[in-house]
Amino acid sequence: MRSSKGQFQLGHSGGRPKGARNRLAAQVFEDILRHWCEPAAPGSKLCKGAEALETLYKEKPGEYLRLTASVLPREFIFENVTLDLDDEQIDELQACALSPLSQAGRLS
């Protein structure tokens, strides 16, 4: 509730109840997970999520690489992968990672 000057008054709540946003987000994630895990087709061993990833990998490898890199923590990508590699191996890994982007016409 607001005062005559338009300011919110202490002790009056006209907004969203505490935790409502978190409950909504949790429900959305549960719905997405449930949809992701549904069989892609009757009798299929692949779930919808795995099939979508496979299709993305085949049809748009650059987008697939971008997606996978975006969901991994940066520390994991750079520290864990390159921990025991020498410079030549790191260069080879970088070339391999950029190859799908180059094939998709994203890099020159």
N, C-alpha and C. Protein backbone atom coordinates (compact mmCIF):
# COMPACT_ATOMS: atom_id res chain seq x y z
N MET A 1 0.85 -1.16 0.00
CA MET A 1 0.00 0.00 0.00
C MET A 1 0.91 1.24 0.00
N ARG A 2 0.45 2.28 -0.68
CA ARG A 2 1.23 3.51 -0.79
C ARG A 2 0.60 4.63 0.01
N SER A 3 1.45 5.54 0.43
CA SER A 3 0.96 6.72 1.14
C SER A 3 0.41 7.72 0.12
N SER A 4 -0.10 8.83 0.62
CA SER A 4 -0.64 9.87 -0.28
C SER A 4 0.46 10.47 -1.15
N LYS A 5 1.72 10.32 -0.74
CA LYS A 5 2.86 10.83 -1.52
C LYS A 5 3.38 9.79 -2.51
N GLY A 6 2.75 8.63 -2.55
CA GLY A 6 3.16 7.59 -3.49
C GLY A 6 4.25 6.67 -2.98
N GLN A 7 4.65 6.82 -1.71
CA GLN A 7 5.70 5.97 -1.15
C GLN A 7 5.07 4.73 -0.53
N PHE A 8 5.82 3.62 -0.57
CA PHE A 8 5.33 2.40 0.06
C PHE A 8 5.34 2.58 1.58
N GLN A 9 4.31 2.09 2.23
CA GLN A 9 4.22 2.18 3.68
C GLN A 9 4.78 0.91 4.30
N LEU A 10 5.47 1.07 5.40
CA LEU A 10 6.04 -0.07 6.10
C LEU A 10 4.92 -0.98 6.62
N GLY A 11 5.15 -2.27 6.53
CA GLY A 11 4.20 -3.22 7.07
C GLY A 11 3.06 -3.59 6.16
N HIS A 12 2.97 -2.95 5.02
CA HIS A 12 1.91 -3.27 4.07
C HIS A 12 2.53 -3.92 2.85
N SER A 13 2.12 -5.09 2.56
CA SER A 13 2.67 -5.81 1.42
C SER A 13 1.61 -5.96 0.35
N GLY A 14 1.88 -5.39 -0.79
CA GLY A 14 0.96 -5.55 -1.91
C GLY A 14 1.62 -6.30 -3.05
N GLY A 15 2.82 -6.78 -2.80
CA GLY A 15 3.58 -7.45 -3.86
C GLY A 15 3.45 -8.96 -3.82
N ARG A 16 4.35 -9.56 -4.51
CA ARG A 16 4.40 -11.01 -4.63
C ARG A 16 4.81 -11.63 -3.29
N PRO A 17 4.18 -12.73 -2.89
CA PRO A 17 4.57 -13.39 -1.64
C PRO A 17 6.02 -13.88 -1.69
N LYS A 18 6.70 -13.89 -0.55
CA LYS A 18 8.08 -14.36 -0.49
C LYS A 18 8.17 -15.79 -1.01
N GLY A 19 9.18 -16.03 -1.83
CA GLY A 19 9.41 -17.37 -2.35
C GLY A 19 8.60 -17.72 -3.59
N ALA A 20 7.65 -16.89 -3.97
CA ALA A 20 6.81 -17.22 -5.13
C ALA A 20 7.64 -17.33 -6.41
N ARG A 21 8.58 -16.44 -6.59
CA ARG A 21 9.42 -16.47 -7.78
C ARG A 21 10.27 -17.74 -7.80
N ASN A 22 10.82 -18.12 -6.65
CA ASN A 22 11.63 -19.33 -6.58
C ASN A 22 10.79 -20.57 -6.86
N ARG A 23 9.56 -20.60 -6.36
CA ARG A 23 8.68 -21.75 -6.62
C ARG A 23 8.34 -21.84 -8.10
N LEU A 24 8.11 -20.69 -8.73
CA LEU A 24 7.82 -20.67 -10.16
C LEU A 24 9.01 -21.19 -10.96
N ALA A 25 10.20 -20.69 -10.64
CA ALA A 25 11.40 -21.13 -11.35
C ALA A 25 11.62 -22.63 -11.16
N ALA A 26 11.42 -23.11 -9.95
CA ALA A 26 11.59 -24.54 -9.68
C ALA A 26 10.60 -25.36 -10.50
N GLN A 27 9.37 -24.88 -10.61
CA GLN A 27 8.35 -25.60 -11.39
C GLN A 27 8.71 -25.62 -12.87
N VAL A 28 9.21 -24.49 -13.37
CA VAL A 28 9.62 -24.43 -14.78
C VAL A 28 10.75 -25.42 -15.04
N PHE A 29 11.74 -25.47 -14.16
CA PHE A 29 12.84 -26.42 -14.34
C PHE A 29 12.35 -27.86 -14.27
N GLU A 30 11.43 -28.15 -13.38
CA GLU A 30 10.87 -29.50 -13.30
C GLU A 30 10.14 -29.86 -14.59
N ASP A 31 9.37 -28.92 -15.14
CA ASP A 31 8.65 -29.16 -16.40
C ASP A 31 9.62 -29.40 -17.55
N ILE A 32 10.68 -28.60 -17.62
CA ILE A 32 11.68 -28.78 -18.67
C ILE A 32 12.36 -30.14 -18.54
N LEU A 33 12.73 -30.51 -17.32
CA LEU A 33 13.38 -31.80 -17.10
C LEU A 33 12.45 -32.95 -17.48
N ARG A 34 11.19 -32.84 -17.10
CA ARG A 34 10.23 -33.89 -17.44
C ARG A 34 10.11 -34.02 -18.97
N HIS A 35 10.00 -32.90 -19.67
CA HIS A 35 9.91 -32.92 -21.14
C HIS A 35 11.19 -33.48 -21.75
N TRP A 36 12.35 -33.07 -21.25
CA TRP A 36 13.66 -33.51 -21.73
C TRP A 36 13.77 -35.03 -21.64
N CYS A 37 13.25 -35.62 -20.58
CA CYS A 37 13.41 -37.05 -20.31
C CYS A 37 12.36 -37.94 -20.97
N GLU A 38 11.34 -37.35 -21.59
CA GLU A 38 10.33 -38.15 -22.27
C GLU A 38 10.96 -38.87 -23.45
N PRO A 39 10.48 -40.08 -23.79
CA PRO A 39 11.00 -40.78 -24.97
C PRO A 39 10.80 -39.94 -26.23
N ALA A 40 11.78 -39.96 -27.12
CA ALA A 40 11.70 -39.17 -28.34
C ALA A 40 10.59 -39.70 -29.26
N ALA A 41 10.39 -40.99 -29.23
CA ALA A 41 9.33 -41.63 -30.02
C ALA A 41 8.92 -42.89 -29.27
N PRO A 42 7.73 -43.39 -29.52
CA PRO A 42 7.32 -44.62 -28.85
C PRO A 42 8.33 -45.74 -29.10
N GLY A 43 8.79 -46.36 -28.04
CA GLY A 43 9.75 -47.45 -28.13
C GLY A 43 11.19 -47.01 -28.31
N SER A 44 11.44 -45.71 -28.40
CA SER A 44 12.80 -45.19 -28.60
C SER A 44 13.60 -45.28 -27.31
N LYS A 45 14.89 -45.56 -27.45
CA LYS A 45 15.78 -45.58 -26.29
C LYS A 45 16.33 -44.18 -26.00
N LEU A 46 16.18 -43.27 -26.97
CA LEU A 46 16.64 -41.89 -26.78
C LEU A 46 15.53 -41.04 -26.18
N CYS A 47 15.92 -40.16 -25.28
CA CYS A 47 14.95 -39.19 -24.76
C CYS A 47 14.95 -37.97 -25.68
N LYS A 48 13.95 -37.12 -25.53
CA LYS A 48 13.83 -35.94 -26.38
C LYS A 48 15.07 -35.06 -26.30
N GLY A 49 15.61 -34.91 -25.10
CA GLY A 49 16.78 -34.06 -24.92
C GLY A 49 18.00 -34.61 -25.66
N ALA A 50 18.25 -35.90 -25.51
CA ALA A 50 19.39 -36.51 -26.18
C ALA A 50 19.23 -36.45 -27.70
N GLU A 51 18.01 -36.66 -28.17
CA GLU A 51 17.76 -36.59 -29.61
C GLU A 51 17.97 -35.17 -30.12
N ALA A 52 17.54 -34.19 -29.37
CA ALA A 52 17.73 -32.80 -29.77
C ALA A 52 19.22 -32.46 -29.84
N LEU A 53 20.00 -32.93 -28.87
CA LEU A 53 21.44 -32.69 -28.90
C LEU A 53 22.09 -33.37 -30.10
N GLU A 54 21.69 -34.60 -30.38
CA GLU A 54 22.24 -35.33 -31.52
C GLU A 54 21.92 -34.62 -32.83
N THR A 55 20.70 -34.15 -32.97
CA THR A 55 20.29 -33.41 -34.18
C THR A 55 21.09 -32.12 -34.31
N LEU A 56 21.24 -31.39 -33.22
CA LEU A 56 22.02 -30.15 -33.24
C LEU A 56 23.47 -30.43 -33.63
N TYR A 57 24.04 -31.49 -33.08
CA TYR A 57 25.43 -31.86 -33.38
C TYR A 57 25.60 -32.14 -34.88
N LYS A 58 24.64 -32.85 -35.47
CA LYS A 58 24.75 -33.21 -36.89
C LYS A 58 24.46 -32.04 -37.82
N GLU A 59 23.44 -31.24 -37.48
CA GLU A 59 23.00 -30.19 -38.39
C GLU A 59 23.71 -28.85 -38.19
N LYS A 60 24.10 -28.55 -36.94
CA LYS A 60 24.74 -27.26 -36.65
C LYS A 60 25.85 -27.47 -35.62
N PRO A 61 26.98 -28.04 -36.05
CA PRO A 61 28.04 -28.36 -35.08
C PRO A 61 28.57 -27.14 -34.33
N GLY A 62 28.58 -25.99 -34.98
CA GLY A 62 29.05 -24.77 -34.30
C GLY A 62 28.13 -24.38 -33.15
N GLU A 63 26.82 -24.49 -33.39
CA GLU A 63 25.85 -24.20 -32.33
C GLU A 63 25.96 -25.22 -31.21
N TYR A 64 26.21 -26.48 -31.57
CA TYR A 64 26.38 -27.53 -30.57
C TYR A 64 27.57 -27.21 -29.67
N LEU A 65 28.68 -26.82 -30.28
CA LEU A 65 29.88 -26.48 -29.51
C LEU A 65 29.61 -25.27 -28.61
N ARG A 66 28.91 -24.28 -29.15
CA ARG A 66 28.60 -23.08 -28.36
C ARG A 66 27.72 -23.45 -27.16
N LEU A 67 26.74 -24.30 -27.38
CA LEU A 67 25.85 -24.73 -26.30
C LEU A 67 26.62 -25.49 -25.22
N THR A 68 27.42 -26.47 -25.63
CA THR A 68 28.13 -27.26 -24.64
C THR A 68 29.12 -26.40 -23.86
N ALA A 69 29.79 -25.48 -24.54
CA ALA A 69 30.73 -24.60 -23.83
C ALA A 69 30.00 -23.67 -22.88
N SER A 70 28.78 -23.27 -23.22
CA SER A 70 28.05 -22.31 -22.38
C SER A 70 27.54 -22.93 -21.08
N VAL A 71 27.35 -24.24 -21.06
CA VAL A 71 26.81 -24.85 -19.84
C VAL A 71 27.90 -25.39 -18.92
N LEU A 72 29.13 -25.44 -19.38
CA LEU A 72 30.23 -25.88 -18.53
C LEU A 72 30.87 -24.69 -17.84
N PRO A 73 31.24 -24.84 -16.58
CA PRO A 73 31.95 -23.74 -15.90
C PRO A 73 33.28 -23.47 -16.60
N ARG A 74 33.62 -22.22 -16.76
CA ARG A 74 34.87 -21.86 -17.45
C ARG A 74 36.09 -22.50 -16.80
N GLU A 75 36.08 -22.57 -15.49
CA GLU A 75 37.21 -23.17 -14.79
C GLU A 75 37.39 -24.62 -15.21
N PHE A 76 36.28 -25.33 -15.38
CA PHE A 76 36.34 -26.73 -15.80
C PHE A 76 36.93 -26.84 -17.20
N ILE A 77 36.44 -26.01 -18.08
CA ILE A 77 36.87 -26.09 -19.48
C ILE A 77 38.38 -25.86 -19.60
N PHE A 78 38.88 -24.81 -19.00
CA PHE A 78 40.27 -24.46 -19.22
C PHE A 78 41.24 -25.14 -18.25
N GLU A 79 40.89 -25.24 -17.00
CA GLU A 79 41.82 -25.81 -16.03
C GLU A 79 41.89 -27.32 -16.13
N ASN A 80 40.76 -28.00 -16.14
CA ASN A 80 40.77 -29.46 -16.12
C ASN A 80 41.23 -30.07 -17.43
N VAL A 81 40.89 -29.44 -18.54
CA VAL A 81 41.24 -30.01 -19.83
C VAL A 81 42.72 -29.80 -20.13
N THR A 82 43.26 -28.68 -19.76
CA THR A 82 44.64 -28.36 -20.15
C THR A 82 45.66 -28.62 -19.05
N LEU A 83 45.24 -29.16 -17.95
CA LEU A 83 46.12 -29.33 -16.79
C LEU A 83 47.42 -30.06 -17.12
N ASP A 84 47.34 -31.18 -17.82
CA ASP A 84 48.52 -32.01 -18.07
C ASP A 84 49.01 -31.95 -19.51
N LEU A 85 48.59 -30.91 -20.26
CA LEU A 85 48.96 -30.82 -21.66
C LEU A 85 50.14 -29.87 -21.85
N ASP A 86 50.99 -30.20 -22.83
CA ASP A 86 52.06 -29.27 -23.18
C ASP A 86 51.51 -28.28 -24.22
N ASP A 87 52.30 -27.31 -24.63
CA ASP A 87 51.84 -26.26 -25.54
C ASP A 87 51.34 -26.81 -26.87
N GLU A 88 52.05 -27.78 -27.41
CA GLU A 88 51.66 -28.37 -28.70
C GLU A 88 50.30 -29.06 -28.60
N GLN A 89 50.07 -29.76 -27.51
CA GLN A 89 48.79 -30.43 -27.31
C GLN A 89 47.65 -29.42 -27.12
N ILE A 90 47.94 -28.33 -26.45
CA ILE A 90 46.92 -27.28 -26.27
C ILE A 90 46.56 -26.66 -27.62
N ASP A 91 47.57 -26.41 -28.48
CA ASP A 91 47.30 -25.89 -29.82
C ASP A 91 46.44 -26.84 -30.62
N GLU A 92 46.73 -28.14 -30.51
CA GLU A 92 45.95 -29.15 -31.22
C GLU A 92 44.51 -29.20 -30.71
N LEU A 93 44.35 -29.10 -29.39
CA LEU A 93 43.01 -29.09 -28.80
C LEU A 93 42.23 -27.87 -29.26
N GLN A 94 42.86 -26.72 -29.32
CA GLN A 94 42.20 -25.50 -29.77
C GLN A 94 41.77 -25.64 -31.22
N ALA A 95 42.63 -26.17 -32.08
CA ALA A 95 42.29 -26.35 -33.49
C ALA A 95 41.11 -27.31 -33.64
N CYS A 96 41.09 -28.36 -32.84
CA CYS A 96 39.99 -29.32 -32.88
C CYS A 96 38.69 -28.67 -32.44
N ALA A 97 38.74 -27.87 -31.41
CA ALA A 97 37.54 -27.22 -30.88
C ALA A 97 36.99 -26.19 -31.86
N LEU A 98 37.86 -25.51 -32.59
CA LEU A 98 37.42 -24.48 -33.52
C LEU A 98 37.01 -25.05 -34.87
N SER A 99 37.35 -26.29 -35.15
CA SER A 99 37.03 -26.91 -36.44
C SER A 99 35.54 -26.88 -36.78
N PRO A 100 34.62 -27.26 -35.86
CA PRO A 100 33.19 -27.19 -36.20
C PRO A 100 32.73 -25.77 -36.54
N LEU A 101 33.29 -24.78 -35.83
CA LEU A 101 32.93 -23.39 -36.11
C LEU A 101 33.42 -22.98 -37.51
N SER A 102 34.62 -23.43 -37.86
CA SER A 102 35.17 -23.12 -39.17
C SER A 102 34.36 -23.78 -40.27
N GLN A 103 33.96 -25.03 -40.07
CA GLN A 103 33.16 -25.74 -41.06
C GLN A 103 31.78 -25.11 -41.21
N ALA A 104 31.27 -24.54 -40.14
CA ALA A 104 29.95 -23.90 -40.20
C ALA A 104 30.03 -22.50 -40.79
N GLY A 105 31.24 -22.06 -41.14
CA GLY A 105 31.40 -20.75 -41.76
C GLY A 105 31.46 -19.62 -40.75
N ARG A 106 31.65 -19.93 -39.47
CA ARG A 106 31.68 -18.90 -38.43
C ARG A 106 33.05 -18.26 -38.31
N LEU A 107 34.10 -18.99 -38.70
CA LEU A 107 35.45 -18.46 -38.60
C LEU A 107 36.10 -18.50 -39.98
N SER A 108 37.02 -17.61 -40.21
CA SER A 108 37.70 -17.64 -41.51
C SER A 108 39.12 -18.14 -41.35
